[in-house]
Amino acid sequence: MVAIATLGLSVSACLPAPYEADPTSSYQWQRRQEDIQRREAERVRTCALMNKDSDRFKRDCTRPGDPS
């Protein structure tokens, strides 16, 4: 019984995230863009505080095409 429950939980973790439809109104698009900008600003602030030589900085703060 425990094995079945463990298997069920591990399989459910592999499922893709639920589908999120594109916004349909200009208000929804604006909210989406503001959310993207807010998350990017938070990422930039967080990266500015991190040690530049850490593995976390390399993983979370570098983008493809950034100079090494």
PDB file of N, CA and C in Angstrom:
ATOM      1  N   MET A   1       0.825  -1.189   0.000  1.00  0.00           N
ATOM      2  CA  MET A   1       0.000   0.000   0.000  1.00  0.00           C
ATOM      3  C   MET A   1       0.874   1.261   0.000  1.00  0.00           C
ATOM      4  N   VAL A   2       1.938   1.249   0.806  1.00  0.00           N
ATOM      5  CA  VAL A   2       2.850   2.399   0.857  1.00  0.00           C
ATOM      6  C   VAL A   2       3.578   2.545  -0.480  1.00  0.00           C
ATOM      7  N   ALA A   3       3.932   1.416  -1.080  1.00  0.00           N
ATOM      8  CA  ALA A   3       4.633   1.458  -2.366  1.00  0.00           C
ATOM      9  C   ALA A   3       3.750   2.072  -3.448  1.00  0.00           C
ATOM     10  N   ILE A   4       2.474   1.746  -3.437  1.00  0.00           N
ATOM     11  CA  ILE A   4       1.552   2.309  -4.429  1.00  0.00           C
ATOM     12  C   ILE A   4       1.407   3.813  -4.228  1.00  0.00           C
ATOM     13  N   ALA A   5       1.295   4.245  -2.988  1.00  0.00           N
ATOM     14  CA  ALA A   5       1.182   5.679  -2.697  1.00  0.00           C
ATOM     15  C   ALA A   5       2.452   6.413  -3.115  1.00  0.00           C
ATOM     16  N   THR A   6       3.604   5.839  -2.852  1.00  0.00           N
ATOM     17  CA  THR A   6       4.873   6.454  -3.232  1.00  0.00           C
ATOM     18  C   THR A   6       4.994   6.541  -4.754  1.00  0.00           C
ATOM     19  N   LEU A   7       4.609   5.490  -5.433  1.00  0.00           N
ATOM     20  CA  LEU A   7       4.646   5.484  -6.889  1.00  0.00           C
ATOM     21  C   LEU A   7       3.708   6.551  -7.457  1.00  0.00           C
ATOM     22  N   GLY A   8       2.533   6.669  -6.894  1.00  0.00           N
ATOM     23  CA  GLY A   8       1.579   7.675  -7.356  1.00  0.00           C
ATOM     24  C   GLY A   8       2.102   9.089  -7.182  1.00  0.00           C
ATOM     25  N   LEU A   9       2.729   9.355  -6.048  1.00  0.00           N
ATOM     26  CA  LEU A   9       3.278  10.693  -5.810  1.00  0.00           C
ATOM     27  C   LEU A   9       4.449  10.981  -6.729  1.00  0.00           C
ATOM     28  N   SER A  10       5.289   9.990  -6.960  1.00  0.00           N
ATOM     29  CA  SER A  10       6.451  10.231  -7.813  1.00  0.00           C
ATOM     30  C   SER A  10       6.034  10.428  -9.273  1.00  0.00           C
ATOM     31  N   VAL A  11       5.020   9.733  -9.729  1.00  0.00           N
ATOM     32  CA  VAL A  11       4.543   9.898 -11.105  1.00  0.00           C
ATOM     33  C   VAL A  11       3.855  11.249 -11.270  1.00  0.00           C
ATOM     34  N   SER A  12       3.122  11.689 -10.271  1.00  0.00           N
ATOM     35  CA  SER A  12       2.422  12.971 -10.388  1.00  0.00           C
ATOM     36  C   SER A  12       3.406  14.134 -10.451  1.00  0.00           C
ATOM     37  N   ALA A  13       4.594  13.974  -9.900  1.00  0.00           N
ATOM     38  CA  ALA A  13       5.593  15.036  -9.965  1.00  0.00           C
ATOM     39  C   ALA A  13       6.150  15.190 -11.374  1.00  0.00           C
ATOM     40  N   CYS A  14       6.011  14.174 -12.211  1.00  0.00           N
ATOM     41  CA  CYS A  14       6.537  14.212 -13.580  1.00  0.00           C
ATOM     42  C   CYS A  14       5.559  14.826 -14.579  1.00  0.00           C
ATOM     43  N   LEU A  15       4.350  15.066 -14.179  1.00  0.00           N
ATOM     44  CA  LEU A  15       3.355  15.616 -15.097  1.00  0.00           C
ATOM     45  C   LEU A  15       3.688  17.066 -15.419  1.00  0.00           C
ATOM     46  N   PRO A  16       3.410  17.519 -16.637  1.00  0.00           N
ATOM     47  CA  PRO A  16       3.690  18.914 -16.988  1.00  0.00           C
ATOM     48  C   PRO A  16       2.766  19.863 -16.229  1.00  0.00           C
ATOM     49  N   ALA A  17       3.190  21.104 -16.170  1.00  0.00           N
ATOM     50  CA  ALA A  17       2.377  22.124 -15.509  1.00  0.00           C
ATOM     51  C   ALA A  17       1.072  22.292 -16.277  1.00  0.00           C
ATOM     52  N   PRO A  18       0.013  22.682 -15.599  1.00  0.00           N
ATOM     53  CA  PRO A  18      -1.263  22.855 -16.302  1.00  0.00           C
ATOM     54  C   PRO A  18      -1.154  23.918 -17.398  1.00  0.00           C
ATOM     55  N   TYR A  19      -1.906  23.712 -18.450  1.00  0.00           N
ATOM     56  CA  TYR A  19      -1.899  24.640 -19.587  1.00  0.00           C
ATOM     57  C   TYR A  19      -2.456  25.984 -19.154  1.00  0.00           C
ATOM     58  N   GLU A  20      -1.754  27.025 -19.530  1.00  0.00           N
ATOM     59  CA  GLU A  20      -2.229  28.371 -19.246  1.00  0.00           C
ATOM     60  C   GLU A  20      -2.504  29.053 -20.575  1.00  0.00           C
ATOM     61  N   ALA A  21      -3.748  29.370 -20.810  1.00  0.00           N
ATOM     62  CA  ALA A  21      -4.148  29.980 -22.077  1.00  0.00           C
ATOM     63  C   ALA A  21      -3.578  31.388 -22.186  1.00  0.00           C
ATOM     64  N   ASP A  22      -3.368  31.823 -23.425  1.00  0.00           N
ATOM     65  CA  ASP A  22      -2.924  33.197 -23.654  1.00  0.00           C
ATOM     66  C   ASP A  22      -4.027  34.154 -23.223  1.00  0.00           C
ATOM     67  N   PRO A  23      -3.633  35.322 -22.752  1.00  0.00           N
ATOM     68  CA  PRO A  23      -4.633  36.321 -22.377  1.00  0.00           C
ATOM     69  C   PRO A  23      -5.487  36.704 -23.583  1.00  0.00           C
ATOM     70  N   THR A  24      -6.728  37.065 -23.321  1.00  0.00           N
ATOM     71  CA  THR A  24      -7.640  37.416 -24.416  1.00  0.00           C
ATOM     72  C   THR A  24      -7.997  38.897 -24.434  1.00  0.00           C
ATOM     73  N   SER A  25      -7.786  39.593 -23.338  1.00  0.00           N
ATOM     74  CA  SER A  25      -8.122  41.015 -23.324  1.00  0.00           C
ATOM     75  C   SER A  25      -6.846  41.838 -23.138  1.00  0.00           C
ATOM     76  N   SER A  26      -6.946  43.106 -23.460  1.00  0.00           N
ATOM     77  CA  SER A  26      -5.779  43.985 -23.301  1.00  0.00           C
ATOM     78  C   SER A  26      -5.396  44.102 -21.819  1.00  0.00           C
ATOM     79  N   TYR A  27      -6.377  44.063 -20.937  1.00  0.00           N
ATOM     80  CA  TYR A  27      -6.104  44.113 -19.496  1.00  0.00           C
ATOM     81  C   TYR A  27      -5.291  42.894 -19.062  1.00  0.00           C
ATOM     82  N   GLN A  28      -5.672  41.711 -19.558  1.00  0.00           N
ATOM     83  CA  GLN A  28      -4.936  40.499 -19.204  1.00  0.00           C
ATOM     84  C   GLN A  28      -3.522  40.538 -19.762  1.00  0.00           C
ATOM     85  N   TRP A  29      -3.330  41.044 -20.982  1.00  0.00           N
ATOM     86  CA  TRP A  29      -1.988  41.157 -21.550  1.00  0.00           C
ATOM     87  C   TRP A  29      -1.139  42.117 -20.719  1.00  0.00           C
ATOM     88  N   GLN A  30      -1.726  43.216 -20.302  1.00  0.00           N
ATOM     89  CA  GLN A  30      -0.990  44.195 -19.497  1.00  0.00           C
ATOM     90  C   GLN A  30      -0.568  43.581 -18.168  1.00  0.00           C
ATOM     91  N   ARG A  31      -1.467  42.856 -17.524  1.00  0.00           N
ATOM     92  CA  ARG A  31      -1.122  42.193 -16.259  1.00  0.00           C
ATOM     93  C   ARG A  31      -0.019  41.170 -16.465  1.00  0.00           C
ATOM     94  N   ARG A  32      -0.078  40.440 -17.585  1.00  0.00           N
ATOM     95  CA  ARG A  32       0.957  39.441 -17.894  1.00  0.00           C
ATOM     96  C   ARG A  32       2.312  40.116 -18.069  1.00  0.00           C
ATOM     97  N   GLN A  33       2.343  41.218 -18.820  1.00  0.00           N
ATOM     98  CA  GLN A  33       3.600  41.930 -19.044  1.00  0.00           C
ATOM     99  C   GLN A  33       4.149  42.508 -17.743  1.00  0.00           C
ATOM    100  N   GLU A  34       3.283  43.054 -16.901  1.00  0.00           N
ATOM    101  CA  GLU A  34       3.728  43.605 -15.622  1.00  0.00           C
ATOM    102  C   GLU A  34       4.278  42.509 -14.719  1.00  0.00           C
ATOM    103  N   ASP A  35       3.670  41.330 -14.764  1.00  0.00           N
ATOM    104  CA  ASP A  35       4.159  40.200 -13.971  1.00  0.00           C
ATOM    105  C   ASP A  35       5.541  39.764 -14.457  1.00  0.00           C
ATOM    106  N   ILE A  36       5.725  39.709 -15.775  1.00  0.00           N
ATOM    107  CA  ILE A  36       7.033  39.346 -16.331  1.00  0.00           C
ATOM    108  C   ILE A  36       8.083  40.370 -15.920  1.00  0.00           C
ATOM    109  N   GLN A  37       7.756  41.649 -16.008  1.00  0.00           N
ATOM    110  CA  GLN A  37       8.696  42.703 -15.626  1.00  0.00           C
ATOM    111  C   GLN A  37       9.024  42.649 -14.136  1.00  0.00           C
ATOM    112  N   ARG A  38       8.011  42.374 -13.305  1.00  0.00           N
ATOM    113  CA  ARG A  38       8.233  42.287 -11.862  1.00  0.00           C
ATOM    114  C   ARG A  38       9.162  41.129 -11.521  1.00  0.00           C
ATOM    115  N   ARG A  39       8.928  39.955 -12.152  1.00  0.00           N
ATOM    116  CA  ARG A  39       9.782  38.792 -11.885  1.00  0.00           C
ATOM    117  C   ARG A  39      11.216  39.029 -12.352  1.00  0.00           C
ATOM    118  N   GLU A  40      11.380  39.684 -13.495  1.00  0.00           N
ATOM    119  CA  GLU A  40      12.728  39.968 -14.008  1.00  0.00           C
ATOM    120  C   GLU A  40      13.448  40.971 -13.100  1.00  0.00           C
ATOM    121  N   ALA A  41      12.741  41.986 -12.628  1.00  0.00           N
ATOM    122  CA  ALA A  41      13.357  42.955 -11.718  1.00  0.00           C
ATOM    123  C   ALA A  41      13.773  42.281 -10.408  1.00  0.00           C
ATOM    124  N   GLU A  42      12.960  41.379  -9.916  1.00  0.00           N
ATOM    125  CA  GLU A  42      13.303  40.639  -8.695  1.00  0.00           C
ATOM    126  C   GLU A  42      14.526  39.763  -8.933  1.00  0.00           C
ATOM    127  N   ARG A  43      14.610  39.123 -10.097  1.00  0.00           N
ATOM    128  CA  ARG A  43      15.768  38.291 -10.422  1.00  0.00           C
ATOM    129  C   ARG A  43      17.042  39.135 -10.481  1.00  0.00           C
ATOM    130  N   VAL A  44      16.949  40.315 -11.089  1.00  0.00           N
ATOM    131  CA  VAL A  44      18.108  41.204 -11.193  1.00  0.00           C
ATOM    132  C   VAL A  44      18.549  41.666  -9.805  1.00  0.00           C
ATOM    133  N   ARG A  45      17.587  42.029  -8.941  1.00  0.00           N
ATOM    134  CA  ARG A  45      17.930  42.452  -7.575  1.00  0.00           C
ATOM    135  C   ARG A  45      18.590  41.320  -6.798  1.00  0.00           C
ATOM    136  N   THR A  46      18.041  40.130  -6.914  1.00  0.00           N
ATOM    137  CA  THR A  46      18.599  38.980  -6.208  1.00  0.00           C
ATOM    138  C   THR A  46      20.004  38.677  -6.706  1.00  0.00           C
ATOM    139  N   CYS A  47      20.193  38.720  -8.012  1.00  0.00           N
ATOM    140  CA  CYS A  47      21.507  38.420  -8.583  1.00  0.00           C
ATOM    141  C   CYS A  47      22.548  39.464  -8.190  1.00  0.00           C
ATOM    142  N   ALA A  48      22.123  40.715  -8.018  1.00  0.00           N
ATOM    143  CA  ALA A  48      23.064  41.764  -7.624  1.00  0.00           C
ATOM    144  C   ALA A  48      23.612  41.525  -6.219  1.00  0.00           C
ATOM    145  N   LEU A  49      22.870  40.818  -5.393  1.00  0.00           N
ATOM    146  CA  LEU A  49      23.301  40.565  -4.021  1.00  0.00           C
ATOM    147  C   LEU A  49      24.120  39.287  -3.872  1.00  0.00           C
ATOM    148  N   MET A  50      24.115  38.424  -4.893  1.00  0.00           N
ATOM    149  CA  MET A  50      24.785  37.125  -4.797  1.00  0.00           C
ATOM    150  C   MET A  50      26.274  37.233  -5.060  1.00  0.00           C
ATOM    151  N   ASN A  51      27.010  36.257  -4.533  1.00  0.00           N
ATOM    152  CA  ASN A  51      28.419  36.095  -4.828  1.00  0.00           C
ATOM    153  C   ASN A  51      28.541  35.659  -6.285  1.00  0.00           C
ATOM    154  N   LYS A  52      29.308  36.397  -7.058  1.00  0.00           N
ATOM    155  CA  LYS A  52      29.403  36.138  -8.498  1.00  0.00           C
ATOM    156  C   LYS A  52      30.095  34.817  -8.829  1.00  0.00           C
ATOM    157  N   ASP A  53      30.817  34.239  -7.873  1.00  0.00           N
ATOM    158  CA  ASP A  53      31.532  32.988  -8.119  1.00  0.00           C
ATOM    159  C   ASP A  53      30.761  31.758  -7.655  1.00  0.00           C
ATOM    160  N   SER A  54      29.576  31.939  -7.098  1.00  0.00           N
ATOM    161  CA  SER A  54      28.824  30.808  -6.560  1.00  0.00           C
ATOM    162  C   SER A  54      28.126  30.021  -7.671  1.00  0.00           C
ATOM    163  N   ASP A  55      27.861  28.756  -7.379  1.00  0.00           N
ATOM    164  CA  ASP A  55      27.137  27.914  -8.335  1.00  0.00           C
ATOM    165  C   ASP A  55      25.715  28.420  -8.537  1.00  0.00           C
ATOM    166  N   ARG A  56      25.103  28.922  -7.476  1.00  0.00           N
ATOM    167  CA  ARG A  56      23.733  29.432  -7.591  1.00  0.00           C
ATOM    168  C   ARG A  56      23.675  30.625  -8.539  1.00  0.00           C
ATOM    169  N   PHE A  57      24.672  31.512  -8.470  1.00  0.00           N
ATOM    170  CA  PHE A  57      24.705  32.655  -9.375  1.00  0.00           C
ATOM    171  C   PHE A  57      24.808  32.178 -10.814  1.00  0.00           C
ATOM    172  N   LYS A  58      25.695  31.214 -11.049  1.00  0.00           N
ATOM    173  CA  LYS A  58      25.874  30.692 -12.406  1.00  0.00           C
ATOM    174  C   LYS A  58      24.593  30.043 -12.909  1.00  0.00           C
ATOM    175  N   ARG A  59      23.873  29.356 -12.035  1.00  0.00           N
ATOM    176  CA  ARG A  59      22.650  28.664 -12.420  1.00  0.00           C
ATOM    177  C   ARG A  59      21.484  29.631 -12.639  1.00  0.00           C
ATOM    178  N   ASP A  60      21.294  30.585 -11.723  1.00  0.00           N
ATOM    179  CA  ASP A  60      20.093  31.422 -11.731  1.00  0.00           C
ATOM    180  C   ASP A  60      20.251  32.769 -12.431  1.00  0.00           C
ATOM    181  N   CYS A  61      21.478  33.252 -12.597  1.00  0.00           N
ATOM    182  CA  CYS A  61      21.651  34.632 -13.046  1.00  0.00           C
ATOM    183  C   CYS A  61      22.278  34.778 -14.426  1.00  0.00           C
ATOM    184  N   THR A  62      22.819  33.718 -14.966  1.00  0.00           N
ATOM    185  CA  THR A  62      23.404  33.848 -16.296  1.00  0.00           C
ATOM    186  C   THR A  62      22.363  33.508 -17.347  1.00  0.00           C
ATOM    187  N   ARG A  63      22.462  34.174 -18.465  1.00  0.00           N
ATOM    188  CA  ARG A  63      21.560  33.974 -19.590  1.00  0.00           C
ATOM    189  C   ARG A  63      22.385  33.548 -20.797  1.00  0.00           C
ATOM    190  N   PRO A  64      21.780  32.810 -21.716  1.00  0.00           N
ATOM    191  CA  PRO A  64      22.511  32.447 -22.935  1.00  0.00           C
ATOM    192  C   PRO A  64      23.001  33.705 -23.656  1.00  0.00           C
ATOM    193  N   GLY A  65      24.258  33.673 -24.052  1.00  0.00           N
ATOM    194  CA  GLY A  65      24.839  34.813 -24.735  1.00  0.00           C
ATOM    195  C   GLY A  65      25.561  35.786 -23.818  1.00  0.00           C
ATOM    196  N   ASP A  66      25.436  35.619 -22.494  1.00  0.00           N
ATOM    197  CA  ASP A  66      26.172  36.483 -21.569  1.00  0.00           C
ATOM    198  C   ASP A  66      27.664  36.212 -21.707  1.00  0.00           C
ATOM    199  N   PRO A  67      28.483  37.247 -21.594  1.00  0.00           N
ATOM    200  CA  PRO A  67      29.924  37.024 -21.621  1.00  0.00           C
ATOM    201  C   PRO A  67      30.348  36.211 -20.387  1.00  0.00           C
ATOM    202  N   SER A  68      31.297  35.339 -20.577  1.00  0.00           N
ATOM    203  CA  SER A  68      31.739  34.476 -19.472  1.00  0.00           C
ATOM    204  C   SER A  68      32.609  35.190 -18.485  1.00  0.00           C
TER     205      SER A  68
END
